[in-house]
Amino acid sequence: MDKTLAVKKHKKPLSPILIVIYLVLILLAVLYIAPLVWMLTVSLKDNAELMASPFSLPSNPQWFNYAEAWNLGKLGIALANSVLVCGVTLIVSLFLGSMTAFAIARMRWKLSEATHTFFLIGMMVPVHCILIPLFVRFANLGLTNSRFGLMLPYITFSLPMTIFLLTGFFRSMPGELFEAAAIDGCGIYRCFFRIALPLCRTGFFVSGLMTFVGNWNELLLAMVFISDPQKKTLPVTLTYFVGPYATNYVQMFAAIIIAIAPTIIVYCMFSNQIVEGLTTGAVKG
């Protein structure tokens, strides 16, 4: 007991700078969490209560708003489309991006830096600049109004960021590992699949989450390329709750909660790996 009191007495008080940092972080946390809490409270009200007191807690939670939003908005079909499109995009972009990043970071060839620069330039091209020519080309090829036609631009715009992040992770790996593997007779493919990929799991978490969240919330391409209601993704379906003359706000917010729930769950599950991966890529990349 005396030792515990002695340890507490020797603890230094927080410095003013550290207190300011903590206050800023608390303020940022409140700013990010408050909109989510407000959307959750709105989704449990009826429209009359929302108009009367938009910032108060629901007096009688209306849980059936979620069931009505699910049925009226056909969120089940939209959710399945989003899972399919984002899942295929995630797998293909990680596979192609990891191979390209490994070639840029670990293989010696003349155009490695030029290839790296080419993909970095792709990060600077906004989708709005190429939307019209892309739609015209896809219409000529018969790729509009199809999930495959939506996956192609998703993969294309996901690759630059994936390659950029994974290149930093591959470059942070000790070169002696690959030299020893080559001496033992490992070819380039075995080095990639047996050594590089297991050591780059954190990089896959980071780039995979960014790819998944970015495509899950994407609206513009999905609205332009898909016209069939049975093939529309979740962000497009959320626009059905907004009408020209009336809007069912409580059901719309309930649908938004359903739409953002998967990304929040995924981030909470892998938050430690994501923070570790961002730190590793920033320091060692």
C-alpha atoms as a PDB file:
ATOM      1  CA  MET A   1       0.000   0.000   0.000  1.00  0.00           C
ATOM      2  CA  ASP A   2       2.846   2.362   0.883  1.00  0.00           C
ATOM      3  CA  LYS A   3       4.587   1.554  -2.386  1.00  0.00           C
ATOM      4  CA  THR A   4       1.422   2.425  -4.298  1.00  0.00           C
ATOM      5  CA  LEU A   5       1.148   5.785  -2.576  1.00  0.00           C
ATOM      6  CA  ALA A   6       4.827   6.462  -3.244  1.00  0.00           C
ATOM      7  CA  VAL A   7       4.365   5.742  -6.947  1.00  0.00           C
ATOM      8  CA  LYS A   8       1.365   8.080  -7.129  1.00  0.00           C
ATOM      9  CA  LYS A   9       3.307  10.874  -5.444  1.00  0.00           C
ATOM     10  CA  HIS A  10       6.108  10.638  -7.987  1.00  0.00           C
ATOM     11  CA  LYS A  11       3.769  10.961 -10.981  1.00  0.00           C
ATOM     12  CA  LYS A  12       4.356  14.190 -12.843  1.00  0.00           C
ATOM     13  CA  PRO A  13       1.365  16.429 -13.536  1.00  0.00           C
ATOM     14  CA  LEU A  14       0.269  16.862 -17.140  1.00  0.00           C
ATOM     15  CA  SER A  15       1.990  19.686 -18.935  1.00  0.00           C
ATOM     16  CA  PRO A  16      -0.147  22.509 -20.409  1.00  0.00           C
ATOM     17  CA  ILE A  17       0.756  21.430 -23.943  1.00  0.00           C
ATOM     18  CA  LEU A  18      -0.399  17.871 -23.275  1.00  0.00           C
ATOM     19  CA  ILE A  19      -3.639  19.137 -21.751  1.00  0.00           C
ATOM     20  CA  VAL A  20      -4.312  21.245 -24.862  1.00  0.00           C
ATOM     21  CA  ILE A  21      -3.625  18.234 -27.090  1.00  0.00           C
ATOM     22  CA  TYR A  22      -6.058  16.096 -25.090  1.00  0.00           C
ATOM     23  CA  LEU A  23      -8.730  18.807 -25.260  1.00  0.00           C
ATOM     24  CA  VAL A  24      -8.322  19.138 -29.020  1.00  0.00           C
ATOM     25  CA  LEU A  25      -8.569  15.362 -29.466  1.00  0.00           C
ATOM     26  CA  ILE A  26     -11.687  15.226 -27.293  1.00  0.00           C
ATOM     27  CA  LEU A  27     -13.230  18.057 -29.319  1.00  0.00           C
ATOM     28  CA  LEU A  28     -12.469  16.260 -32.592  1.00  0.00           C
ATOM     29  CA  ALA A  29     -13.951  13.034 -31.236  1.00  0.00           C
ATOM     30  CA  VAL A  30     -17.140  14.864 -30.283  1.00  0.00           C
ATOM     31  CA  LEU A  31     -17.334  16.533 -33.701  1.00  0.00           C
ATOM     32  CA  TYR A  32     -17.061  13.163 -35.451  1.00  0.00           C
ATOM     33  CA  ILE A  33     -19.336  11.184 -33.134  1.00  0.00           C
ATOM     34  CA  ALA A  34     -22.071  13.805 -32.653  1.00  0.00           C
ATOM     35  CA  PRO A  35     -23.490  13.551 -36.224  1.00  0.00           C
ATOM     36  CA  LEU A  36     -23.699   9.762 -35.920  1.00  0.00           C
ATOM     37  CA  VAL A  37     -25.514  10.000 -32.599  1.00  0.00           C
ATOM     38  CA  TRP A  38     -27.883  12.624 -34.022  1.00  0.00           C
ATOM     39  CA  MET A  39     -28.687  10.448 -37.062  1.00  0.00           C
ATOM     40  CA  LEU A  40     -29.400   7.524 -34.755  1.00  0.00           C
ATOM     41  CA  THR A  41     -31.797   9.575 -32.618  1.00  0.00           C
ATOM     42  CA  VAL A  42     -33.558  10.979 -35.699  1.00  0.00           C
ATOM     43  CA  SER A  43     -34.023   7.488 -37.137  1.00  0.00           C
ATOM     44  CA  LEU A  44     -35.979   6.501 -34.001  1.00  0.00           C
ATOM     45  CA  LYS A  45     -38.500   9.357 -34.208  1.00  0.00           C
ATOM     46  CA  ASP A  46     -41.532  10.021 -36.361  1.00  0.00           C
ATOM     47  CA  ASN A  47     -41.666  12.980 -38.738  1.00  0.00           C
ATOM     48  CA  ALA A  48     -43.882  15.059 -36.451  1.00  0.00           C
ATOM     49  CA  GLU A  49     -41.542  14.677 -33.493  1.00  0.00           C
ATOM     50  CA  LEU A  50     -38.547  15.391 -35.712  1.00  0.00           C
ATOM     51  CA  MET A  51     -40.031  18.693 -36.866  1.00  0.00           C
ATOM     52  CA  ALA A  52     -41.067  19.663 -33.345  1.00  0.00           C
ATOM     53  CA  SER A  53     -37.767  18.841 -31.603  1.00  0.00           C
ATOM     54  CA  PRO A  54     -35.018  17.748 -33.988  1.00  0.00           C
ATOM     55  CA  PHE A  55     -32.222  17.632 -31.386  1.00  0.00           C
ATOM     56  CA  SER A  56     -34.010  15.938 -28.495  1.00  0.00           C
ATOM     57  CA  LEU A  57     -33.969  12.254 -27.635  1.00  0.00           C
ATOM     58  CA  PRO A  58     -36.890  10.201 -29.021  1.00  0.00           C
ATOM     59  CA  SER A  59     -39.753  10.027 -26.540  1.00  0.00           C
ATOM     60  CA  ASN A  60     -40.996   6.726 -27.957  1.00  0.00           C
ATOM     61  CA  PRO A  61     -38.364   4.972 -30.129  1.00  0.00           C
ATOM     62  CA  GLN A  62     -39.825   3.936 -33.458  1.00  0.00           C
ATOM     63  CA  TRP A  63     -37.782   0.819 -34.247  1.00  0.00           C
ATOM     64  CA  PHE A  64     -40.099  -0.125 -37.105  1.00  0.00           C
ATOM     65  CA  ASN A  65     -38.559   2.743 -39.120  1.00  0.00           C
ATOM     66  CA  TYR A  66     -35.702   0.391 -39.955  1.00  0.00           C
ATOM     67  CA  ALA A  67     -38.040  -2.345 -41.176  1.00  0.00           C
ATOM     68  CA  GLU A  68     -39.994   0.119 -43.311  1.00  0.00           C
ATOM     69  CA  ALA A  69     -36.825   1.635 -44.737  1.00  0.00           C
ATOM     70  CA  TRP A  70     -35.511  -1.842 -45.534  1.00  0.00           C
ATOM     71  CA  ASN A  71     -38.705  -2.897 -47.306  1.00  0.00           C
ATOM     72  CA  LEU A  72     -39.703   0.344 -49.049  1.00  0.00           C
ATOM     73  CA  GLY A  73     -36.183   1.164 -50.197  1.00  0.00           C
ATOM     74  CA  LYS A  74     -35.429  -2.439 -51.223  1.00  0.00           C
ATOM     75  CA  LEU A  75     -32.196  -2.189 -49.285  1.00  0.00           C
ATOM     76  CA  GLY A  76     -31.665  -5.936 -49.350  1.00  0.00           C
ATOM     77  CA  ILE A  77     -31.095  -5.982 -53.127  1.00  0.00           C
ATOM     78  CA  ALA A  78     -29.003  -2.816 -52.979  1.00  0.00           C
ATOM     79  CA  LEU A  79     -26.928  -4.216 -50.121  1.00  0.00           C
ATOM     80  CA  ALA A  80     -26.253  -7.408 -52.068  1.00  0.00           C
ATOM     81  CA  ASN A  81     -25.203  -5.378 -55.129  1.00  0.00           C
ATOM     82  CA  SER A  82     -22.855  -3.224 -53.057  1.00  0.00           C
ATOM     83  CA  VAL A  83     -21.312  -6.278 -51.389  1.00  0.00           C
ATOM     84  CA  LEU A  84     -20.775  -7.958 -54.762  1.00  0.00           C
ATOM     85  CA  VAL A  85     -19.333  -4.924 -56.524  1.00  0.00           C
ATOM     86  CA  CYS A  86     -17.141  -3.797 -53.616  1.00  0.00           C
ATOM     87  CA  GLY A  87     -16.025  -7.340 -52.797  1.00  0.00           C
ATOM     88  CA  VAL A  88     -14.883  -8.142 -56.343  1.00  0.00           C
ATOM     89  CA  THR A  89     -13.261  -4.707 -56.641  1.00  0.00           C
ATOM     90  CA  LEU A  90     -11.424  -5.221 -53.351  1.00  0.00           C
ATOM     91  CA  ILE A  91     -10.062  -8.654 -54.295  1.00  0.00           C
ATOM     92  CA  VAL A  92      -8.990  -7.693 -57.815  1.00  0.00           C
ATOM     93  CA  SER A  93      -7.430  -4.351 -56.830  1.00  0.00           C
ATOM     94  CA  LEU A  94      -5.484  -5.899 -53.948  1.00  0.00           C
ATOM     95  CA  PHE A  95      -4.249  -8.762 -56.120  1.00  0.00           C
ATOM     96  CA  LEU A  96      -3.183  -6.617 -59.085  1.00  0.00           C
ATOM     97  CA  GLY A  97      -1.984  -3.759 -56.895  1.00  0.00           C
ATOM     98  CA  SER A  98       0.173  -5.983 -54.686  1.00  0.00           C
ATOM     99  CA  MET A  99       1.856  -7.598 -57.680  1.00  0.00           C
ATOM    100  CA  THR A 100       2.515  -4.234 -59.297  1.00  0.00           C
ATOM    101  CA  ALA A 101       3.772  -2.710 -56.040  1.00  0.00           C
ATOM    102  CA  PHE A 102       6.114  -5.664 -55.460  1.00  0.00           C
ATOM    103  CA  ALA A 103       7.502  -5.320 -58.984  1.00  0.00           C
ATOM    104  CA  ILE A 104       8.096  -1.596 -58.462  1.00  0.00           C
ATOM    105  CA  ALA A 105       9.623  -1.940 -54.989  1.00  0.00           C
ATOM    106  CA  ARG A 106      11.675  -5.138 -55.244  1.00  0.00           C
ATOM    107  CA  MET A 107      12.393  -5.938 -58.886  1.00  0.00           C
ATOM    108  CA  ARG A 108      15.110  -4.180 -60.869  1.00  0.00           C
ATOM    109  CA  TRP A 109      13.926  -3.020 -64.269  1.00  0.00           C
ATOM    110  CA  LYS A 110      14.304   0.185 -66.196  1.00  0.00           C
ATOM    111  CA  LEU A 111      10.721   1.427 -66.140  1.00  0.00           C
ATOM    112  CA  SER A 112       9.972   0.764 -62.465  1.00  0.00           C
ATOM    113  CA  GLU A 113      10.089   4.416 -61.391  1.00  0.00           C
ATOM    114  CA  ALA A 114       8.263   5.534 -64.529  1.00  0.00           C
ATOM    115  CA  THR A 115       5.525   2.998 -63.798  1.00  0.00           C
ATOM    116  CA  HIS A 116       5.337   4.205 -60.206  1.00  0.00           C
ATOM    117  CA  THR A 117       4.995   7.805 -61.400  1.00  0.00           C
ATOM    118  CA  PHE A 118       2.337   6.777 -63.911  1.00  0.00           C
ATOM    119  CA  PHE A 119       0.156   5.318 -61.176  1.00  0.00           C
ATOM    120  CA  LEU A 120       0.782   8.296 -58.904  1.00  0.00           C
ATOM    121  CA  ILE A 121      -0.515  10.568 -61.662  1.00  0.00           C
ATOM    122  CA  GLY A 122      -3.653   8.418 -61.689  1.00  0.00           C
ATOM    123  CA  MET A 123      -4.345   9.538 -58.121  1.00  0.00           C
ATOM    124  CA  MET A 124      -4.521  13.140 -59.318  1.00  0.00           C
ATOM    125  CA  VAL A 125      -7.128  12.577 -62.056  1.00  0.00           C
ATOM    126  CA  PRO A 126     -10.661  13.308 -60.789  1.00  0.00           C
ATOM    127  CA  VAL A 127     -13.397  11.052 -62.015  1.00  0.00           C
ATOM    128  CA  HIS A 128     -15.501  14.033 -63.153  1.00  0.00           C
ATOM    129  CA  CYS A 129     -12.981  14.855 -65.899  1.00  0.00           C
ATOM    130  CA  ILE A 130     -13.325  11.510 -67.658  1.00  0.00           C
ATOM    131  CA  LEU A 131     -16.925  10.654 -66.803  1.00  0.00           C
ATOM    132  CA  ILE A 132     -18.452  11.589 -70.176  1.00  0.00           C
ATOM    133  CA  PRO A 133     -15.827   9.920 -72.437  1.00  0.00           C
ATOM    134  CA  LEU A 134     -15.833   6.897 -70.139  1.00  0.00           C
ATOM    135  CA  PHE A 135     -19.617   6.586 -70.376  1.00  0.00           C
ATOM    136  CA  VAL A 136     -19.550   6.953 -74.177  1.00  0.00           C
ATOM    137  CA  ARG A 137     -16.862   4.286 -74.514  1.00  0.00           C
ATOM    138  CA  PHE A 138     -18.669   1.899 -72.165  1.00  0.00           C
ATOM    139  CA  ALA A 139     -21.961   2.488 -74.004  1.00  0.00           C
ATOM    140  CA  ASN A 140     -20.299   1.555 -77.312  1.00  0.00           C
ATOM    141  CA  LEU A 141     -18.918  -1.614 -75.731  1.00  0.00           C
ATOM    142  CA  GLY A 142     -22.252  -2.532 -74.107  1.00  0.00           C
ATOM    143  CA  LEU A 143     -20.879  -2.287 -70.572  1.00  0.00           C
ATOM    144  CA  THR A 144     -23.397   0.182 -69.200  1.00  0.00           C
ATOM    145  CA  ASN A 145     -26.164  -0.983 -66.871  1.00  0.00           C
ATOM    146  CA  SER A 146     -24.103  -3.952 -65.710  1.00  0.00           C
ATOM    147  CA  ARG A 147     -22.299  -4.700 -62.469  1.00  0.00           C
ATOM    148  CA  PHE A 148     -19.170  -5.684 -64.383  1.00  0.00           C
ATOM    149  CA  GLY A 149     -19.152  -2.315 -66.138  1.00  0.00           C
ATOM    150  CA  LEU A 150     -19.282  -0.618 -62.732  1.00  0.00           C
ATOM    151  CA  MET A 151     -16.477  -2.774 -61.338  1.00  0.00           C
ATOM    152  CA  LEU A 152     -14.031  -1.758 -64.061  1.00  0.00           C
ATOM    153  CA  PRO A 153     -13.821   1.963 -63.162  1.00  0.00           C
ATOM    154  CA  TYR A 154     -13.887   1.073 -59.464  1.00  0.00           C
ATOM    155  CA  ILE A 155     -10.838  -1.149 -59.926  1.00  0.00           C
ATOM    156  CA  THR A 156      -9.130   1.437 -62.116  1.00  0.00           C
ATOM    157  CA  PHE A 157      -9.527   4.250 -59.586  1.00  0.00           C
ATOM    158  CA  SER A 158      -8.617   1.982 -56.649  1.00  0.00           C
ATOM    159  CA  LEU A 159      -5.328   0.740 -58.098  1.00  0.00           C
ATOM    160  CA  PRO A 160      -3.259   3.973 -57.787  1.00  0.00           C
ATOM    161  CA  MET A 161      -3.835   4.340 -54.045  1.00  0.00           C
ATOM    162  CA  THR A 162      -3.364   0.612 -53.464  1.00  0.00           C
ATOM    163  CA  ILE A 163      -0.077   0.576 -55.368  1.00  0.00           C
ATOM    164  CA  PHE A 164       1.118   3.729 -53.619  1.00  0.00           C
ATOM    165  CA  LEU A 165       0.496   2.295 -50.137  1.00  0.00           C
ATOM    166  CA  LEU A 166       1.775  -1.227 -50.806  1.00  0.00           C
ATOM    167  CA  THR A 167       4.930   0.032 -52.506  1.00  0.00           C
ATOM    168  CA  GLY A 168       5.921   1.741 -49.262  1.00  0.00           C
ATOM    169  CA  PHE A 169       5.327  -1.461 -47.307  1.00  0.00           C
ATOM    170  CA  PHE A 170       7.326  -3.618 -49.701  1.00  0.00           C
ATOM    171  CA  ARG A 171      10.204  -1.148 -49.661  1.00  0.00           C
ATOM    172  CA  SER A 172      10.250  -1.208 -45.859  1.00  0.00           C
ATOM    173  CA  MET A 173      10.990  -4.948 -45.844  1.00  0.00           C
ATOM    174  CA  PRO A 174      14.643  -6.009 -45.334  1.00  0.00           C
ATOM    175  CA  GLY A 175      16.286  -6.841 -48.630  1.00  0.00           C
ATOM    176  CA  GLU A 176      18.315  -9.589 -46.954  1.00  0.00           C
ATOM    177  CA  LEU A 177      15.160 -11.727 -46.719  1.00  0.00           C
ATOM    178  CA  PHE A 178      14.723 -11.814 -50.467  1.00  0.00           C
ATOM    179  CA  GLU A 179      18.444 -12.298 -51.065  1.00  0.00           C
ATOM    180  CA  ALA A 180      18.521 -15.287 -48.721  1.00  0.00           C
ATOM    181  CA  ALA A 181      15.398 -16.721 -50.383  1.00  0.00           C
ATOM    182  CA  ALA A 182      16.987 -16.325 -53.821  1.00  0.00           C
ATOM    183  CA  ILE A 183      20.133 -18.116 -52.633  1.00  0.00           C
ATOM    184  CA  ASP A 184      17.971 -20.979 -51.347  1.00  0.00           C
ATOM    185  CA  GLY A 185      16.397 -21.325 -54.776  1.00  0.00           C
ATOM    186  CA  CYS A 186      13.160 -19.327 -54.436  1.00  0.00           C
ATOM    187  CA  GLY A 187      11.902 -17.822 -57.637  1.00  0.00           C
ATOM    188  CA  ILE A 188      10.242 -14.453 -57.921  1.00  0.00           C
ATOM    189  CA  TYR A 189       6.739 -15.868 -57.487  1.00  0.00           C
ATOM    190  CA  ARG A 190       7.621 -17.867 -54.365  1.00  0.00           C
ATOM    191  CA  CYS A 191       9.310 -14.782 -52.896  1.00  0.00           C
ATOM    192  CA  PHE A 192       6.134 -12.839 -53.531  1.00  0.00           C
ATOM    193  CA  PHE A 193       3.611 -15.370 -52.213  1.00  0.00           C
ATOM    194  CA  ARG A 194       5.676 -16.968 -49.422  1.00  0.00           C
ATOM    195  CA  ILE A 195       7.613 -13.950 -48.066  1.00  0.00           C
ATOM    196  CA  ALA A 196       6.243 -10.605 -49.251  1.00  0.00           C
ATOM    197  CA  LEU A 197       2.511 -11.217 -48.825  1.00  0.00           C
ATOM    198  CA  PRO A 198       2.629 -12.614 -45.257  1.00  0.00           C
ATOM    199  CA  LEU A 199       4.814  -9.695 -44.153  1.00  0.00           C
ATOM    200  CA  CYS A 200       2.486  -7.165 -45.800  1.00  0.00           C
ATOM    201  CA  ARG A 201      -0.725  -8.105 -43.988  1.00  0.00           C
ATOM    202  CA  THR A 202      -0.930  -4.713 -42.288  1.00  0.00           C
ATOM    203  CA  GLY A 203      -0.594  -2.958 -45.629  1.00  0.00           C
ATOM    204  CA  PHE A 204      -3.448  -5.064 -46.974  1.00  0.00           C
ATOM    205  CA  PHE A 205      -5.628  -3.993 -44.051  1.00  0.00           C
ATOM    206  CA  VAL A 206      -4.969  -0.303 -44.729  1.00  0.00           C
ATOM    207  CA  SER A 207      -5.301  -0.312 -48.514  1.00  0.00           C
ATOM    208  CA  GLY A 208      -8.198  -2.769 -48.378  1.00  0.00           C
ATOM    209  CA  LEU A 209     -10.191  -0.642 -45.966  1.00  0.00           C
ATOM    210  CA  MET A 210      -9.613   2.518 -47.993  1.00  0.00           C
ATOM    211  CA  THR A 211     -10.671   0.724 -51.172  1.00  0.00           C
ATOM    212  CA  PHE A 212     -13.736  -0.815 -49.550  1.00  0.00           C
ATOM    213  CA  VAL A 213     -14.970   2.389 -47.899  1.00  0.00           C
ATOM    214  CA  GLY A 214     -14.317   4.518 -50.975  1.00  0.00           C
ATOM    215  CA  ASN A 215     -16.254   2.213 -53.294  1.00  0.00           C
ATOM    216  CA  TRP A 216     -18.979   1.476 -50.747  1.00  0.00           C
ATOM    217  CA  ASN A 217     -19.835   5.194 -50.505  1.00  0.00           C
ATOM    218  CA  GLU A 218     -19.363   5.991 -54.203  1.00  0.00           C
ATOM    219  CA  LEU A 219     -22.437   7.589 -55.805  1.00  0.00           C
ATOM    220  CA  LEU A 220     -21.582   9.344 -59.069  1.00  0.00           C
ATOM    221  CA  LEU A 221     -20.402   6.397 -61.156  1.00  0.00           C
ATOM    222  CA  ALA A 222     -23.149   4.151 -59.798  1.00  0.00           C
ATOM    223  CA  MET A 223     -25.833   6.677 -60.772  1.00  0.00           C
ATOM    224  CA  VAL A 224     -24.424   7.214 -64.269  1.00  0.00           C
ATOM    225  CA  PHE A 225     -23.598   3.635 -65.262  1.00  0.00           C
ATOM    226  CA  ILE A 226     -26.515   1.764 -63.666  1.00  0.00           C
ATOM    227  CA  SER A 227     -30.158   2.404 -64.613  1.00  0.00           C
ATOM    228  CA  ASP A 228     -31.747  -0.918 -63.662  1.00  0.00           C
ATOM    229  CA  PRO A 229     -33.209  -0.667 -60.101  1.00  0.00           C
ATOM    230  CA  GLN A 230     -32.293  -4.325 -59.502  1.00  0.00           C
ATOM    231  CA  LYS A 231     -28.602  -3.536 -60.056  1.00  0.00           C
ATOM    232  CA  LYS A 232     -28.267  -0.247 -58.196  1.00  0.00           C
ATOM    233  CA  THR A 233     -25.943  -0.043 -55.213  1.00  0.00           C
ATOM    234  CA  LEU A 234     -26.760   1.156 -51.723  1.00  0.00           C
ATOM    235  CA  PRO A 235     -25.756   4.874 -52.060  1.00  0.00           C
ATOM    236  CA  VAL A 236     -27.992   5.241 -55.120  1.00  0.00           C
ATOM    237  CA  THR A 237     -30.914   3.590 -53.344  1.00  0.00           C
ATOM    238  CA  LEU A 238     -30.673   6.123 -50.518  1.00  0.00           C
ATOM    239  CA  THR A 239     -31.634   8.873 -52.960  1.00  0.00           C
ATOM    240  CA  TYR A 240     -35.081   7.264 -53.411  1.00  0.00           C
ATOM    241  CA  PHE A 241     -36.119   8.524 -49.979  1.00  0.00           C
ATOM    242  CA  VAL A 242     -35.835  12.132 -51.183  1.00  0.00           C
ATOM    243  CA  GLY A 243     -38.806  13.159 -53.314  1.00  0.00           C
ATOM    244  CA  PRO A 244     -39.491  16.344 -55.286  1.00  0.00           C
ATOM    245  CA  TYR A 245     -42.381  17.334 -53.026  1.00  0.00           C
ATOM    246  CA  ALA A 246     -41.924  15.373 -49.802  1.00  0.00           C
ATOM    247  CA  THR A 247     -39.132  13.572 -47.980  1.00  0.00           C
ATOM    248  CA  ASN A 248     -39.493  10.881 -45.360  1.00  0.00           C
ATOM    249  CA  TYR A 249     -36.616  11.981 -43.186  1.00  0.00           C
ATOM    250  CA  VAL A 250     -36.864   9.369 -40.443  1.00  0.00           C
ATOM    251  CA  GLN A 251     -36.810   6.478 -42.908  1.00  0.00           C
ATOM    252  CA  MET A 252     -34.028   8.148 -44.853  1.00  0.00           C
ATOM    253  CA  PHE A 253     -31.873   8.421 -41.725  1.00  0.00           C
ATOM    254  CA  ALA A 254     -32.698   4.824 -40.812  1.00  0.00           C
ATOM    255  CA  ALA A 255     -31.510   3.756 -44.258  1.00  0.00           C
ATOM    256  CA  ILE A 256     -28.331   5.817 -43.836  1.00  0.00           C
ATOM    257  CA  ILE A 257     -27.604   4.073 -40.527  1.00  0.00           C
ATOM    258  CA  ILE A 258     -28.040   0.701 -42.255  1.00  0.00           C
ATOM    259  CA  ALA A 259     -25.727   1.827 -45.068  1.00  0.00           C
ATOM    260  CA  ILE A 260     -22.869   3.075 -42.878  1.00  0.00           C
ATOM    261  CA  ALA A 261     -23.066   0.268 -40.319  1.00  0.00           C
ATOM    262  CA  PRO A 262     -20.842  -2.185 -42.303  1.00  0.00           C
ATOM    263  CA  THR A 263     -18.016   0.337 -42.690  1.00  0.00           C
ATOM    264  CA  ILE A 264     -18.128   1.267 -38.991  1.00  0.00           C
ATOM    265  CA  ILE A 265     -18.068  -2.407 -37.984  1.00  0.00           C
ATOM    266  CA  VAL A 266     -15.141  -3.185 -40.290  1.00  0.00           C
ATOM    267  CA  TYR A 267     -13.172  -0.198 -39.033  1.00  0.00           C
ATOM    268  CA  CYS A 268     -13.794  -1.085 -35.377  1.00  0.00           C
ATOM    269  CA  MET A 269     -12.657  -4.663 -36.000  1.00  0.00           C
ATOM    270  CA  PHE A 270      -9.381  -3.692 -37.668  1.00  0.00           C
ATOM    271  CA  SER A 271      -8.649  -0.265 -36.157  1.00  0.00           C
ATOM    272  CA  ASN A 272      -5.401  -1.368 -34.485  1.00  0.00           C
ATOM    273  CA  GLN A 273      -4.020  -2.876 -37.689  1.00  0.00           C
ATOM    274  CA  ILE A 274      -5.012   0.220 -39.647  1.00  0.00           C
ATOM    275  CA  VAL A 275      -3.240   2.645 -37.285  1.00  0.00           C
ATOM    276  CA  GLU A 276      -0.180   0.412 -37.216  1.00  0.00           C
ATOM    277  CA  GLY A 277      -0.178   0.191 -40.987  1.00  0.00           C
ATOM    278  CA  LEU A 278      -0.441   3.931 -41.518  1.00  0.00           C
ATOM    279  CA  THR A 279       2.447   4.510 -39.099  1.00  0.00           C
ATOM    280  CA  THR A 280       4.611   1.862 -40.757  1.00  0.00           C
ATOM    281  CA  GLY A 281       3.947   3.167 -44.238  1.00  0.00           C
ATOM    282  CA  ALA A 282       4.662   6.760 -43.208  1.00  0.00           C
ATOM    283  CA  VAL A 283       7.902   6.074 -41.315  1.00  0.00           C
ATOM    284  CA  LYS A 284       9.507   3.266 -43.317  1.00  0.00           C
ATOM    285  CA  GLY A 285       8.030   3.769 -46.754  1.00  0.00           C
END
